């Protein structure tokens, strides 16, 4: 499968955008990863800090560039609201992952993403 070298910008309405992760997302990523409900459903380093979030942004860009993954930031109403990704494991399958900030939950954001 051929994937683009960087994340395209996707949207179904003005309030929701899927886009590449950027360094300005770092505070939102940290906030999401410190949220107890987020930690309940995923594995992140403990404690989780700014360096971890910076690594996540850089690793997502690298995965796009080398075709190993496709990670999108979820932007809701102009703010970072989470991420959704595919991690290509083998030639014929991928693993999906997602996380949503507390303020975006219960609003059908992940279903739309």
N, C-alpha and C. Protein backbone atom coordinates (compact mmCIF):
# COMPACT_ATOMS: atom_id res chain seq x y z
N UNK A 1 0.84 -1.17 0.00
CA UNK A 1 0.00 0.00 0.00
C UNK A 1 0.88 1.24 0.00
N UNK A 2 0.55 2.20 -0.80
CA UNK A 2 1.29 3.46 -0.87
C UNK A 2 0.55 4.52 -0.04
N UNK A 3 1.22 5.10 0.92
CA UNK A 3 0.61 6.18 1.70
C UNK A 3 1.40 7.45 1.45
N UNK A 4 0.76 8.61 1.61
CA UNK A 4 1.48 9.86 1.40
C UNK A 4 2.57 10.03 2.46
N UNK A 5 3.56 10.86 2.16
CA UNK A 5 4.69 11.07 3.07
C UNK A 5 4.31 11.92 4.28
N UNK A 6 3.20 12.61 4.21
CA UNK A 6 2.73 13.40 5.35
C UNK A 6 1.22 13.34 5.40
N UNK A 7 0.66 13.63 6.54
CA UNK A 7 -0.79 13.53 6.73
C UNK A 7 -1.54 14.56 5.91
N UNK A 8 -2.53 14.10 5.14
CA UNK A 8 -3.40 15.06 4.47
C UNK A 8 -4.32 15.72 5.49
N UNK A 9 -4.91 16.82 5.13
CA UNK A 9 -5.88 17.50 5.99
C UNK A 9 -7.27 17.05 5.56
N UNK A 10 -8.03 16.48 6.48
CA UNK A 10 -9.35 15.93 6.19
C UNK A 10 -10.39 16.58 7.09
N UNK A 11 -11.59 16.76 6.57
CA UNK A 11 -12.65 17.36 7.37
C UNK A 11 -14.02 16.95 6.83
N UNK A 12 -14.97 16.78 7.74
CA UNK A 12 -16.35 16.53 7.32
C UNK A 12 -17.25 17.72 7.64
N UNK A 13 -16.73 18.67 8.36
CA UNK A 13 -17.47 19.87 8.74
C UNK A 13 -16.48 20.87 9.32
N UNK A 14 -16.85 22.14 9.40
CA UNK A 14 -15.88 23.14 9.89
C UNK A 14 -15.35 22.90 11.30
N UNK A 15 -16.10 22.19 12.14
CA UNK A 15 -15.66 22.02 13.53
C UNK A 15 -14.67 20.88 13.74
N UNK A 16 -14.57 19.91 12.80
CA UNK A 16 -13.72 18.75 12.99
C UNK A 16 -12.74 18.60 11.83
N UNK A 17 -11.45 18.52 12.18
CA UNK A 17 -10.39 18.37 11.18
C UNK A 17 -9.44 17.28 11.64
N UNK A 18 -9.04 16.42 10.71
CA UNK A 18 -7.94 15.50 10.93
C UNK A 18 -6.75 16.07 10.19
N UNK A 19 -5.60 16.18 10.87
CA UNK A 19 -4.42 16.81 10.30
C UNK A 19 -3.18 16.19 10.93
N UNK A 20 -2.02 16.59 10.43
CA UNK A 20 -0.79 16.08 11.03
C UNK A 20 -0.61 16.65 12.43
N UNK A 21 0.08 15.92 13.26
CA UNK A 21 0.45 16.43 14.59
C UNK A 21 1.52 17.49 14.43
N UNK A 22 1.47 18.51 15.26
CA UNK A 22 2.47 19.57 15.25
C UNK A 22 2.91 19.84 16.69
N UNK A 23 4.06 20.49 16.83
CA UNK A 23 4.61 20.74 18.17
C UNK A 23 3.67 21.55 19.06
N UNK A 24 2.83 22.39 18.47
CA UNK A 24 1.90 23.16 19.31
C UNK A 24 0.81 22.26 19.93
N UNK A 25 0.72 21.00 19.51
CA UNK A 25 -0.21 20.04 20.12
C UNK A 25 0.33 19.46 21.42
N UNK A 26 1.61 19.66 21.70
CA UNK A 26 2.25 19.03 22.86
C UNK A 26 1.49 19.28 24.16
N UNK A 27 1.10 20.50 24.53
CA UNK A 27 0.36 20.66 25.79
C UNK A 27 -0.94 19.86 25.84
N UNK A 28 -1.66 19.80 24.73
CA UNK A 28 -2.89 19.02 24.68
C UNK A 28 -2.64 17.54 24.79
N UNK A 29 -1.56 17.07 24.18
CA UNK A 29 -1.20 15.65 24.26
C UNK A 29 -0.87 15.29 25.70
N UNK A 30 -0.09 16.14 26.36
CA UNK A 30 0.26 15.89 27.76
C UNK A 30 -1.00 15.84 28.62
N UNK A 31 -1.88 16.82 28.44
CA UNK A 31 -3.13 16.86 29.22
C UNK A 31 -3.94 15.58 29.02
N UNK A 32 -4.07 15.16 27.77
CA UNK A 32 -4.83 13.94 27.48
C UNK A 32 -4.18 12.73 28.13
N UNK A 33 -2.86 12.63 28.06
CA UNK A 33 -2.16 11.45 28.58
C UNK A 33 -2.07 11.44 30.10
N UNK A 34 -2.34 12.55 30.75
CA UNK A 34 -2.39 12.59 32.21
C UNK A 34 -3.79 12.31 32.74
N UNK A 35 -4.79 12.35 31.87
CA UNK A 35 -6.17 12.11 32.25
C UNK A 35 -6.36 10.65 32.68
N UNK A 36 -6.88 10.40 33.87
CA UNK A 36 -7.04 9.02 34.35
C UNK A 36 -7.89 8.15 33.42
N UNK A 37 -8.91 8.70 32.81
CA UNK A 37 -9.75 7.90 31.92
C UNK A 37 -8.99 7.50 30.65
N UNK A 38 -8.15 8.39 30.16
CA UNK A 38 -7.31 8.02 29.01
C UNK A 38 -6.35 6.91 29.39
N UNK A 39 -5.73 7.03 30.54
CA UNK A 39 -4.77 6.02 31.00
C UNK A 39 -5.43 4.67 31.22
N UNK A 40 -6.68 4.70 31.55
CA UNK A 40 -7.42 3.46 31.79
C UNK A 40 -7.47 2.59 30.54
N UNK A 41 -7.51 3.23 29.36
CA UNK A 41 -7.74 2.50 28.11
C UNK A 41 -6.52 2.38 27.20
N UNK A 42 -5.41 2.94 27.58
CA UNK A 42 -4.22 2.87 26.74
C UNK A 42 -2.97 2.80 27.59
N UNK A 43 -1.85 2.58 26.95
CA UNK A 43 -0.58 2.51 27.65
C UNK A 43 0.26 3.72 27.26
N UNK A 44 0.60 4.53 28.22
CA UNK A 44 1.51 5.66 28.01
C UNK A 44 2.53 5.63 29.14
N UNK A 45 3.69 6.22 28.91
CA UNK A 45 4.68 6.26 30.00
C UNK A 45 4.12 6.96 31.24
N UNK A 46 4.52 6.49 32.40
CA UNK A 46 4.13 7.10 33.67
C UNK A 46 5.40 7.41 34.44
N UNK A 47 5.66 8.65 34.77
CA UNK A 47 4.85 9.83 34.45
C UNK A 47 4.99 10.20 32.97
N UNK A 48 4.01 10.92 32.45
CA UNK A 48 4.01 11.39 31.06
C UNK A 48 4.30 12.87 31.07
N UNK A 49 5.25 13.30 30.26
CA UNK A 49 5.64 14.70 30.26
C UNK A 49 5.83 15.27 28.87
N UNK A 50 6.33 16.48 28.84
CA UNK A 50 6.52 17.22 27.59
C UNK A 50 7.45 16.47 26.63
N UNK A 51 8.51 15.89 27.13
CA UNK A 51 9.44 15.16 26.25
C UNK A 51 8.76 13.95 25.60
N UNK A 52 7.87 13.29 26.34
CA UNK A 52 7.14 12.16 25.77
C UNK A 52 6.23 12.62 24.63
N UNK A 53 5.55 13.74 24.85
CA UNK A 53 4.66 14.27 23.81
C UNK A 53 5.45 14.75 22.60
N UNK A 54 6.58 15.37 22.83
CA UNK A 54 7.43 15.78 21.70
C UNK A 54 7.90 14.57 20.90
N UNK A 55 8.26 13.50 21.60
CA UNK A 55 8.66 12.27 20.92
C UNK A 55 7.50 11.73 20.08
N UNK A 56 6.30 11.73 20.63
CA UNK A 56 5.11 11.23 19.93
C UNK A 56 4.89 12.00 18.63
N UNK A 57 5.00 13.32 18.68
CA UNK A 57 4.83 14.16 17.48
C UNK A 57 5.91 13.82 16.45
N UNK A 58 7.15 13.75 16.89
CA UNK A 58 8.25 13.44 15.97
C UNK A 58 8.15 12.04 15.40
N UNK A 59 7.77 11.07 16.22
CA UNK A 59 7.63 9.70 15.77
C UNK A 59 6.49 9.57 14.75
N UNK A 60 5.41 10.30 14.97
CA UNK A 60 4.30 10.27 14.01
C UNK A 60 4.75 10.79 12.65
N UNK A 61 5.52 11.86 12.63
CA UNK A 61 6.03 12.40 11.36
C UNK A 61 6.96 11.40 10.69
N UNK A 62 7.81 10.76 11.47
CA UNK A 62 8.74 9.76 10.93
C UNK A 62 7.97 8.56 10.36
N UNK A 63 6.93 8.11 11.06
CA UNK A 63 6.13 6.99 10.57
C UNK A 63 5.45 7.32 9.24
N UNK A 64 4.93 8.55 9.12
CA UNK A 64 4.35 8.97 7.84
C UNK A 64 5.43 8.91 6.75
N UNK A 65 6.59 9.46 7.06
CA UNK A 65 7.65 9.57 6.05
C UNK A 65 8.15 8.22 5.56
N UNK A 66 8.22 7.23 6.47
CA UNK A 66 8.76 5.93 6.07
C UNK A 66 7.68 4.89 5.79
N UNK A 67 6.40 5.30 5.84
CA UNK A 67 5.31 4.40 5.51
C UNK A 67 4.97 3.38 6.57
N UNK A 68 5.41 3.60 7.81
CA UNK A 68 5.14 2.64 8.89
C UNK A 68 3.89 2.95 9.69
N UNK A 69 3.33 4.13 9.50
CA UNK A 69 2.14 4.49 10.26
C UNK A 69 1.49 5.73 9.71
N UNK A 70 0.27 5.94 10.15
CA UNK A 70 -0.51 7.10 9.72
C UNK A 70 -1.24 7.64 10.94
N UNK A 71 -0.69 8.69 11.54
CA UNK A 71 -1.28 9.28 12.73
C UNK A 71 -1.84 10.65 12.40
N UNK A 72 -3.07 10.87 12.81
CA UNK A 72 -3.73 12.16 12.63
C UNK A 72 -4.01 12.79 14.00
N UNK A 73 -3.82 14.09 14.09
CA UNK A 73 -4.36 14.85 15.21
C UNK A 73 -5.83 15.07 14.92
N UNK A 74 -6.64 15.01 15.94
CA UNK A 74 -8.05 15.36 15.83
C UNK A 74 -8.18 16.77 16.39
N UNK A 75 -8.64 17.67 15.55
CA UNK A 75 -8.82 19.06 15.96
C UNK A 75 -10.32 19.33 16.00
N UNK A 76 -10.81 19.80 17.13
CA UNK A 76 -12.21 20.12 17.31
C UNK A 76 -12.34 21.58 17.69
N UNK A 77 -13.11 22.31 16.91
CA UNK A 77 -13.29 23.74 17.16
C UNK A 77 -11.96 24.47 17.29
N UNK A 78 -10.99 24.08 16.45
CA UNK A 78 -9.70 24.76 16.42
C UNK A 78 -8.71 24.34 17.48
N UNK A 79 -9.04 23.33 18.30
CA UNK A 79 -8.14 22.90 19.38
C UNK A 79 -7.83 21.41 19.27
N UNK A 80 -6.64 21.04 19.71
CA UNK A 80 -6.27 19.62 19.76
C UNK A 80 -7.27 18.88 20.64
N UNK A 81 -7.82 17.77 20.12
CA UNK A 81 -8.82 17.01 20.87
C UNK A 81 -8.48 15.53 20.97
N UNK A 82 -7.36 15.11 20.36
CA UNK A 82 -6.98 13.70 20.44
C UNK A 82 -6.22 13.28 19.21
N UNK A 83 -6.07 11.97 19.06
CA UNK A 83 -5.38 11.43 17.89
C UNK A 83 -5.98 10.09 17.51
N UNK A 84 -5.76 9.74 16.26
CA UNK A 84 -6.21 8.47 15.73
C UNK A 84 -5.14 7.98 14.76
N UNK A 85 -4.84 6.68 14.79
CA UNK A 85 -3.74 6.21 13.94
C UNK A 85 -3.91 4.78 13.48
N UNK A 86 -3.16 4.47 12.45
CA UNK A 86 -2.95 3.11 11.99
C UNK A 86 -1.45 2.84 12.06
N UNK A 87 -1.09 1.71 12.63
CA UNK A 87 0.31 1.31 12.69
C UNK A 87 0.43 0.04 11.85
N UNK A 88 1.13 0.17 10.73
CA UNK A 88 1.25 -0.94 9.80
C UNK A 88 2.21 -1.97 10.37
N UNK A 89 1.71 -3.18 10.59
CA UNK A 89 2.49 -4.22 11.24
C UNK A 89 3.15 -5.17 10.25
N UNK A 90 2.45 -5.51 9.22
CA UNK A 90 2.92 -6.47 8.23
C UNK A 90 2.38 -5.99 6.88
N UNK A 91 2.60 -6.75 5.87
CA UNK A 91 2.15 -6.38 4.53
C UNK A 91 0.63 -6.27 4.47
N UNK A 92 -0.08 -7.12 5.20
CA UNK A 92 -1.51 -7.21 5.00
C UNK A 92 -2.38 -6.84 6.21
N UNK A 93 -1.82 -6.20 7.24
CA UNK A 93 -2.67 -5.77 8.34
C UNK A 93 -2.07 -4.59 9.09
N UNK A 94 -2.93 -3.92 9.84
CA UNK A 94 -2.52 -2.76 10.63
C UNK A 94 -3.26 -2.79 11.96
N UNK A 95 -2.70 -2.09 12.93
CA UNK A 95 -3.31 -1.96 14.24
C UNK A 95 -3.77 -0.51 14.40
N UNK A 96 -4.96 -0.32 14.90
CA UNK A 96 -5.48 1.03 15.10
C UNK A 96 -5.38 1.46 16.54
N UNK A 97 -5.23 2.74 16.74
CA UNK A 97 -5.21 3.31 18.07
C UNK A 97 -5.89 4.65 18.07
N UNK A 98 -6.40 5.06 19.20
CA UNK A 98 -7.04 6.37 19.28
C UNK A 98 -7.11 6.82 20.73
N UNK A 99 -7.20 8.09 20.90
CA UNK A 99 -7.37 8.69 22.21
C UNK A 99 -8.07 10.02 22.05
N UNK A 100 -8.89 10.36 23.01
CA UNK A 100 -9.67 11.59 22.92
C UNK A 100 -9.59 12.36 24.23
N UNK A 101 -9.39 13.65 24.12
CA UNK A 101 -9.33 14.51 25.30
C UNK A 101 -10.68 14.53 26.01
N UNK A 102 -10.65 14.73 27.30
CA UNK A 102 -11.86 14.68 28.11
C UNK A 102 -12.96 15.61 27.58
N UNK A 103 -12.61 16.81 27.17
CA UNK A 103 -13.61 17.78 26.71
C UNK A 103 -14.28 17.42 25.40
N UNK A 104 -13.72 16.46 24.67
CA UNK A 104 -14.30 16.07 23.38
C UNK A 104 -15.15 14.80 23.50
N UNK A 105 -15.10 14.15 24.63
CA UNK A 105 -15.84 12.90 24.79
C UNK A 105 -17.35 13.15 24.87
N UNK A 106 -18.10 12.15 24.41
CA UNK A 106 -19.57 12.23 24.47
C UNK A 106 -20.17 13.12 23.41
N UNK A 107 -19.39 13.48 22.40
CA UNK A 107 -19.87 14.39 21.35
C UNK A 107 -19.76 13.75 19.96
N UNK A 108 -19.59 12.44 19.91
CA UNK A 108 -19.48 11.68 18.65
C UNK A 108 -18.26 12.07 17.82
N UNK A 109 -17.27 12.64 18.47
CA UNK A 109 -16.05 13.08 17.77
C UNK A 109 -15.27 11.90 17.22
N UNK A 110 -15.06 10.89 18.02
CA UNK A 110 -14.26 9.75 17.55
C UNK A 110 -14.98 9.01 16.44
N UNK A 111 -16.27 8.87 16.52
CA UNK A 111 -17.01 8.21 15.45
C UNK A 111 -16.83 8.97 14.14
N UNK A 112 -16.88 10.28 14.19
CA UNK A 112 -16.69 11.10 12.99
C UNK A 112 -15.26 11.01 12.50
N UNK A 113 -14.30 10.99 13.41
CA UNK A 113 -12.89 10.91 13.01
C UNK A 113 -12.64 9.60 12.30
